[in-house]
PDB file of N, CA and C in Angstrom:
ATOM      1  N   MET A   1     -20.527  15.252   9.103  1.00  0.00           N
ATOM      2  CA  MET A   1     -21.702  14.084   9.254  1.00  0.00           C
ATOM      3  C   MET A   1     -22.951  14.830   9.260  1.00  0.00           C
ATOM      4  N   LEU A   2     -23.185  15.592  10.169  1.00  0.00           N
ATOM      5  CA  LEU A   2     -24.327  16.507  10.222  1.00  0.00           C
ATOM      6  C   LEU A   2     -25.146  17.108   9.086  1.00  0.00           C
ATOM      7  N   ILE A   3     -24.031  17.856   8.517  1.00  0.00           N
ATOM      8  CA  ILE A   3     -24.051  18.469   7.193  1.00  0.00           C
ATOM      9  C   ILE A   3     -24.572  17.380   6.305  1.00  0.00           C
ATOM     10  N   THR A   4     -24.121  16.479   6.230  1.00  0.00           N
ATOM     11  CA  THR A   4     -24.842  15.227   5.295  1.00  0.00           C
ATOM     12  C   THR A   4     -26.039  14.884   5.553  1.00  0.00           C
ATOM     13  N   LEU A   5     -26.338  14.550   6.767  1.00  0.00           N
ATOM     14  CA  LEU A   5     -27.591  14.464   6.933  1.00  0.00           C
ATOM     15  C   LEU A   5     -28.727  15.524   6.864  1.00  0.00           C
ATOM     16  N   LEU A   6     -28.213  16.743   6.949  1.00  0.00           N
ATOM     17  CA  LEU A   6     -29.141  17.612   6.860  1.00  0.00           C
ATOM     18  C   LEU A   6     -29.504  18.030   5.322  1.00  0.00           C
ATOM     19  N   GLN A   7     -28.571  17.684   4.344  1.00  0.00           N
ATOM     20  CA  GLN A   7     -28.745  17.819   3.053  1.00  0.00           C
ATOM     21  C   GLN A   7     -29.417  16.457   2.278  1.00  0.00           C
ATOM     22  N   SER A   8     -29.281  15.507   3.095  1.00  0.00           N
ATOM     23  CA  SER A   8     -30.011  13.971   2.568  1.00  0.00           C
ATOM     24  C   SER A   8     -31.591  14.240   3.029  1.00  0.00           C
ATOM     25  N   GLU A   9     -31.915  14.770   4.069  1.00  0.00           N
ATOM     26  CA  GLU A   9     -33.249  14.823   4.678  1.00  0.00           C
ATOM     27  C   GLU A   9     -34.053  16.143   3.747  1.00  0.00           C
ATOM     28  N   ARG A  10     -35.017  15.730   3.314  1.00  0.00           N
ATOM     29  CA  ARG A  10     -36.237  16.870   3.043  1.00  0.00           C
ATOM     30  C   ARG A  10     -36.621  17.723   4.083  1.00  0.00           C
ATOM     31  N   GLN A  11     -37.266  17.005   4.942  1.00  0.00           N
ATOM     32  CA  GLN A  11     -38.040  17.510   6.207  1.00  0.00           C
ATOM     33  C   GLN A  11     -37.025  17.294   7.502  1.00  0.00           C
ATOM     34  N   VAL A  12     -36.653  18.386   8.263  1.00  0.00           N
ATOM     35  CA  VAL A  12     -35.855  17.950   9.274  1.00  0.00           C
ATOM     36  C   VAL A  12     -36.508  18.470  10.486  1.00  0.00           C
ATOM     37  N   SER A  13     -36.499  17.386  11.678  1.00  0.00           N
ATOM     38  CA  SER A  13     -36.947  17.872  12.580  1.00  0.00           C
ATOM     39  C   SER A  13     -35.816  17.427  13.696  1.00  0.00           C
ATOM     40  N   LEU A  14     -35.627  18.044  14.772  1.00  0.00           N
ATOM     41  CA  LEU A  14     -34.854  17.846  15.735  1.00  0.00           C
ATOM     42  C   LEU A  14     -34.601  16.092  16.497  1.00  0.00           C
ATOM     43  N   GLU A  15     -36.004  15.922  16.297  1.00  0.00           N
ATOM     44  CA  GLU A  15     -36.086  14.301  16.324  1.00  0.00           C
ATOM     45  C   GLU A  15     -35.450  13.128  15.395  1.00  0.00           C
ATOM     46  N   ARG A  16     -35.869  13.594  14.383  1.00  0.00           N
ATOM     47  CA  ARG A  16     -35.300  13.035  12.856  1.00  0.00           C
ATOM     48  C   ARG A  16     -33.916  12.909  12.952  1.00  0.00           C
ATOM     49  N   LEU A  17     -33.349  13.956  13.390  1.00  0.00           N
ATOM     50  CA  LEU A  17     -31.589  14.256  13.190  1.00  0.00           C
ATOM     51  C   LEU A  17     -31.028  13.447  14.167  1.00  0.00           C
ATOM     52  N   ALA A  18     -31.977  13.243  15.512  1.00  0.00           N
ATOM     53  CA  ALA A  18     -31.337  12.631  16.595  1.00  0.00           C
ATOM     54  C   ALA A  18     -31.463  11.016  16.134  1.00  0.00           C
ATOM     55  N   THR A  19     -32.453  10.569  15.532  1.00  0.00           N
ATOM     56  CA  THR A  19     -32.804   9.448  15.178  1.00  0.00           C
ATOM     57  C   THR A  19     -31.676   8.589  13.905  1.00  0.00           C
ATOM     58  N   LEU A  20     -31.079   9.671  13.335  1.00  0.00           N
ATOM     59  CA  LEU A  20     -30.599   9.416  12.041  1.00  0.00           C
ATOM     60  C   LEU A  20     -29.174   9.812  12.548  1.00  0.00           C
ATOM     61  N   PHE A  21     -28.653  10.208  13.684  1.00  0.00           N
ATOM     62  CA  PHE A  21     -27.501  10.922  13.964  1.00  0.00           C
ATOM     63  C   PHE A  21     -26.877   9.507  14.557  1.00  0.00           C
ATOM     64  N   ALA A  22     -25.678   8.760  14.021  1.00  0.00           N
ATOM     65  CA  ALA A  22     -25.644   7.643  14.549  1.00  0.00           C
ATOM     66  C   ALA A  22     -24.233   7.568  15.653  1.00  0.00           C
ATOM     67  N   GLN A  23     -24.959   8.068  16.991  1.00  0.00           N
ATOM     68  CA  GLN A  23     -23.886   8.042  18.186  1.00  0.00           C
ATOM     69  C   GLN A  23     -24.438   6.988  18.953  1.00  0.00           C
ATOM     70  N   PRO A  24     -23.390   6.472  19.857  1.00  0.00           N
ATOM     71  CA  PRO A  24     -23.750   5.395  20.653  1.00  0.00           C
ATOM     72  C   PRO A  24     -24.192   5.865  22.385  1.00  0.00           C
ATOM     73  N   ILE A  25     -25.209   7.046  22.030  1.00  0.00           N
ATOM     74  CA  ILE A  25     -25.572   7.155  23.245  1.00  0.00           C
ATOM     75  C   ILE A  25     -26.999   7.538  23.132  1.00  0.00           C
ATOM     76  N   GLN A  26     -28.129   7.895  24.036  1.00  0.00           N
ATOM     77  CA  GLN A  26     -29.487   7.566  24.317  1.00  0.00           C
ATOM     78  C   GLN A  26     -29.945   8.705  23.217  1.00  0.00           C
ATOM     79  N   PHE A  27     -31.033   8.497  22.875  1.00  0.00           N
ATOM     80  CA  PHE A  27     -32.004   9.416  21.900  1.00  0.00           C
ATOM     81  C   PHE A  27     -32.205  10.831  22.631  1.00  0.00           C
ATOM     82  N   GLU A  28     -32.398  10.775  23.596  1.00  0.00           N
ATOM     83  CA  GLU A  28     -32.832  12.116  24.299  1.00  0.00           C
ATOM     84  C   GLU A  28     -31.192  12.787  24.601  1.00  0.00           C
ATOM     85  N   SER A  29     -30.232  12.257  24.540  1.00  0.00           N
ATOM     86  CA  SER A  29     -28.925  12.694  24.787  1.00  0.00           C
ATOM     87  C   SER A  29     -28.649  13.471  23.297  1.00  0.00           C
ATOM     88  N   ARG A  30     -28.851  12.588  22.307  1.00  0.00           N
ATOM     89  CA  ARG A  30     -28.438  12.990  21.221  1.00  0.00           C
ATOM     90  C   ARG A  30     -29.347  14.038  20.485  1.00  0.00           C
ATOM     91  N   ARG A  31     -30.639  13.974  21.149  1.00  0.00           N
ATOM     92  CA  ARG A  31     -31.477  15.344  20.625  1.00  0.00           C
ATOM     93  C   ARG A  31     -30.851  16.529  21.404  1.00  0.00           C
ATOM     94  N   ARG A  32     -30.731  16.457  23.022  1.00  0.00           N
ATOM     95  CA  ARG A  32     -30.258  17.553  23.581  1.00  0.00           C
ATOM     96  C   ARG A  32     -29.102  18.010  22.430  1.00  0.00           C
ATOM     97  N   ASN A  33     -27.750  17.115  22.565  1.00  0.00           N
ATOM     98  CA  ASN A  33     -26.627  17.740  22.274  1.00  0.00           C
ATOM     99  C   ASN A  33     -26.834  18.250  20.840  1.00  0.00           C
ATOM    100  N   LEU A  34     -27.421  17.408  19.870  1.00  0.00           N
ATOM    101  CA  LEU A  34     -27.728  18.685  18.708  1.00  0.00           C
ATOM    102  C   LEU A  34     -28.551  19.763  18.512  1.00  0.00           C
ATOM    103  N   GLN A  35     -29.385  19.886  19.559  1.00  0.00           N
ATOM    104  CA  GLN A  35     -30.146  21.349  19.856  1.00  0.00           C
ATOM    105  C   GLN A  35     -29.070  22.151  20.261  1.00  0.00           C
ATOM    106  N   ARG A  36     -28.179  22.118  21.682  1.00  0.00           N
ATOM    107  CA  ARG A  36     -27.000  22.805  21.933  1.00  0.00           C
ATOM    108  C   ARG A  36     -26.396  23.152  20.746  1.00  0.00           C
ATOM    109  N   PHE A  37     -25.923  22.198  19.636  1.00  0.00           N
ATOM    110  CA  PHE A  37     -25.194  22.480  18.768  1.00  0.00           C
ATOM    111  C   PHE A  37     -25.408  23.226  17.771  1.00  0.00           C
ATOM    112  N   LEU A  38     -27.191  23.235  17.338  1.00  0.00           N
ATOM    113  CA  LEU A  38     -27.366  23.906  16.284  1.00  0.00           C
ATOM    114  C   LEU A  38     -28.208  25.436  16.823  1.00  0.00           C
ATOM    115  N   MET A  39     -28.031  25.537  18.243  1.00  0.00           N
ATOM    116  CA  MET A  39     -28.302  26.874  18.477  1.00  0.00           C
ATOM    117  C   MET A  39     -26.919  27.728  18.931  1.00  0.00           C
ATOM    118  N   LEU A  40     -25.796  27.370  18.766  1.00  0.00           N
ATOM    119  CA  LEU A  40     -24.563  27.991  18.595  1.00  0.00           C
ATOM    120  C   LEU A  40     -24.686  29.272  17.943  1.00  0.00           C
ATOM    121  N   PRO A  41     -24.141  30.522  18.149  1.00  0.00           N
ATOM    122  CA  PRO A  41     -24.274  31.837  17.266  1.00  0.00           C
ATOM    123  C   PRO A  41     -23.166  31.424  16.111  1.00  0.00           C
ATOM    124  N   GLN A  42     -22.252  30.721  16.333  1.00  0.00           N
ATOM    125  CA  GLN A  42     -21.216  30.559  14.994  1.00  0.00           C
ATOM    126  C   GLN A  42     -22.158  29.593  14.084  1.00  0.00           C
ATOM    127  N   LEU A  43     -23.103  29.125  14.292  1.00  0.00           N
ATOM    128  CA  LEU A  43     -24.112  28.673  13.297  1.00  0.00           C
ATOM    129  C   LEU A  43     -25.057  29.192  12.443  1.00  0.00           C
ATOM    130  N   SER A  44     -25.369  30.612  12.814  1.00  0.00           N
ATOM    131  CA  SER A  44     -26.198  31.538  12.366  1.00  0.00           C
ATOM    132  C   SER A  44     -26.051  31.548  10.942  1.00  0.00           C
ATOM    133  N   ALA A  45     -27.156  32.103  10.154  1.00  0.00           N
ATOM    134  CA  ALA A  45     -26.969  32.427   8.777  1.00  0.00           C
ATOM    135  C   ALA A  45     -26.056  33.397   8.526  1.00  0.00           C
ATOM    136  N   LYS A  46     -25.883  34.409   9.128  1.00  0.00           N
ATOM    137  CA  LYS A  46     -25.092  35.823   9.293  1.00  0.00           C
ATOM    138  C   LYS A  46     -23.774  35.081   9.623  1.00  0.00           C
ATOM    139  N   ALA A  47     -23.244  34.589  10.192  1.00  0.00           N
ATOM    140  CA  ALA A  47     -22.082  34.063  10.636  1.00  0.00           C
ATOM    141  C   ALA A  47     -21.539  32.973   9.683  1.00  0.00           C
ATOM    142  N   LEU A  48     -22.199  32.151   9.320  1.00  0.00           N
ATOM    143  CA  LEU A  48     -21.845  31.086   8.807  1.00  0.00           C
ATOM    144  C   LEU A  48     -21.965  30.874   7.228  1.00  0.00           C
ATOM    145  N   TRP A  49     -23.451  30.696   6.919  1.00  0.00           N
ATOM    146  CA  TRP A  49     -24.077  30.397   5.516  1.00  0.00           C
ATOM    147  C   TRP A  49     -23.866  31.345   4.587  1.00  0.00           C
ATOM    148  N   PHE A  50     -23.949  32.688   4.924  1.00  0.00           N
ATOM    149  CA  PHE A  50     -23.561  33.778   4.454  1.00  0.00           C
ATOM    150  C   PHE A  50     -21.827  34.116   3.518  1.00  0.00           C
ATOM    151  N   PRO A  51     -21.379  34.042   4.557  1.00  0.00           N
ATOM    152  CA  PRO A  51     -19.773  33.761   3.806  1.00  0.00           C
ATOM    153  C   PRO A  51     -19.642  32.538   3.104  1.00  0.00           C
ATOM    154  N   ILE A  52     -19.979  31.557   3.246  1.00  0.00           N
ATOM    155  CA  ILE A  52     -19.932  30.665   2.552  1.00  0.00           C
ATOM    156  C   ILE A  52     -20.567  30.474   1.272  1.00  0.00           C
ATOM    157  N   LEU A  53     -21.677  31.120   1.004  1.00  0.00           N
ATOM    158  CA  LEU A  53     -22.498  31.197  -0.076  1.00  0.00           C
ATOM    159  C   LEU A  53     -21.421  32.463  -1.081  1.00  0.00           C
ATOM    160  N   LYS A  54     -21.160  33.325  -0.275  1.00  0.00           N
ATOM    161  CA  LYS A  54     -20.781  34.702  -1.032  1.00  0.00           C
ATOM    162  C   LYS A  54     -19.073  33.911  -1.616  1.00  0.00           C
ATOM    163  N   TYR A  55     -18.234  33.295  -0.879  1.00  0.00           N
ATOM    164  CA  TYR A  55     -17.271  32.488  -1.329  1.00  0.00           C
ATOM    165  C   TYR A  55     -17.562  31.479  -2.647  1.00  0.00           C
ATOM    166  N   TRP A  56     -18.590  30.873  -2.595  1.00  0.00           N
ATOM    167  CA  TRP A  56     -18.954  30.006  -3.746  1.00  0.00           C
ATOM    168  C   TRP A  56     -19.556  30.726  -5.047  1.00  0.00           C
ATOM    169  N   LEU A  57     -20.005  31.802  -4.608  1.00  0.00           N
ATOM    170  CA  LEU A  57     -20.626  32.671  -5.711  1.00  0.00           C
ATOM    171  C   LEU A  57     -19.290  33.494  -6.323  1.00  0.00           C
ATOM    172  N   LYS A  58     -18.484  33.777  -5.658  1.00  0.00           N
ATOM    173  CA  LYS A  58     -17.408  34.547  -6.295  1.00  0.00           C
ATOM    174  C   LYS A  58     -16.301  33.270  -7.062  1.00  0.00           C
ATOM    175  N   GLY A  59     -16.530  32.185  -6.803  1.00  0.00           N
ATOM    176  CA  GLY A  59     -15.762  31.165  -7.251  1.00  0.00           C
ATOM    177  C   GLY A  59     -16.389  30.747  -8.451  1.00  0.00           C
ATOM    178  N   HIS A  60     -17.657  30.840  -8.648  1.00  0.00           N
ATOM    179  CA  HIS A  60     -18.300  30.228  -9.861  1.00  0.00           C
ATOM    180  C   HIS A  60     -18.697  31.314 -10.948  1.00  0.00           C
ATOM    181  N   PHE A  61     -18.596  32.551 -10.471  1.00  0.00           N
ATOM    182  CA  PHE A  61     -19.172  33.618 -11.263  1.00  0.00           C
ATOM    183  C   PHE A  61     -18.141  34.510 -11.382  1.00  0.00           C
ATOM    184  N   ASN A  62     -18.285  35.423 -12.662  1.00  0.00           N
ATOM    185  CA  ASN A  62     -17.195  36.310 -13.108  1.00  0.00           C
ATOM    186  C   ASN A  62     -18.135  37.661 -12.388  1.00  0.00           C
ATOM    187  N   PRO A  63     -17.343  38.556 -11.982  1.00  0.00           N
ATOM    188  CA  PRO A  63     -17.946  39.832 -11.123  1.00  0.00           C
ATOM    189  C   PRO A  63     -18.471  40.576 -12.333  1.00  0.00           C
ATOM    190  N   HIS A  64     -17.851  40.442 -13.727  1.00  0.00           N
ATOM    191  CA  HIS A  64     -18.254  41.518 -14.682  1.00  0.00           C
ATOM    192  C   HIS A  64     -19.341  40.816 -15.638  1.00  0.00           C
ATOM    193  N   MET A  65     -19.620  39.485 -15.265  1.00  0.00           N
ATOM    194  CA  MET A  65     -20.615  38.853 -16.024  1.00  0.00           C
ATOM    195  C   MET A  65     -22.176  39.233 -15.368  1.00  0.00           C
ATOM    196  N   SER A  66     -23.296  39.484 -16.302  1.00  0.00           N
ATOM    197  CA  SER A  66     -24.461  39.874 -15.769  1.00  0.00           C
ATOM    198  C   SER A  66     -25.235  38.271 -15.804  1.00  0.00           C
ATOM    199  N   LEU A  67     -26.349  38.016 -14.642  1.00  0.00           N
ATOM    200  CA  LEU A  67     -26.451  36.994 -14.419  1.00  0.00           C
ATOM    201  C   LEU A  67     -28.161  36.544 -15.311  1.00  0.00           C
TER     202      LEU A  67
END
């Protein structure tokens, strides 16, 4: 759900995400929870996004093909 919000918004701020994130809790609680979640070391580019990109590239491009 959070990934969909991140993909649909051009400018992302914590406050904007907290506003769009439909959870039945107060705005400040949503903002704090989102901030804690986004600060997790498992969500760093090195730990999460690079392996996803690498997997996608391997699936869509032939290693012997030049770009």
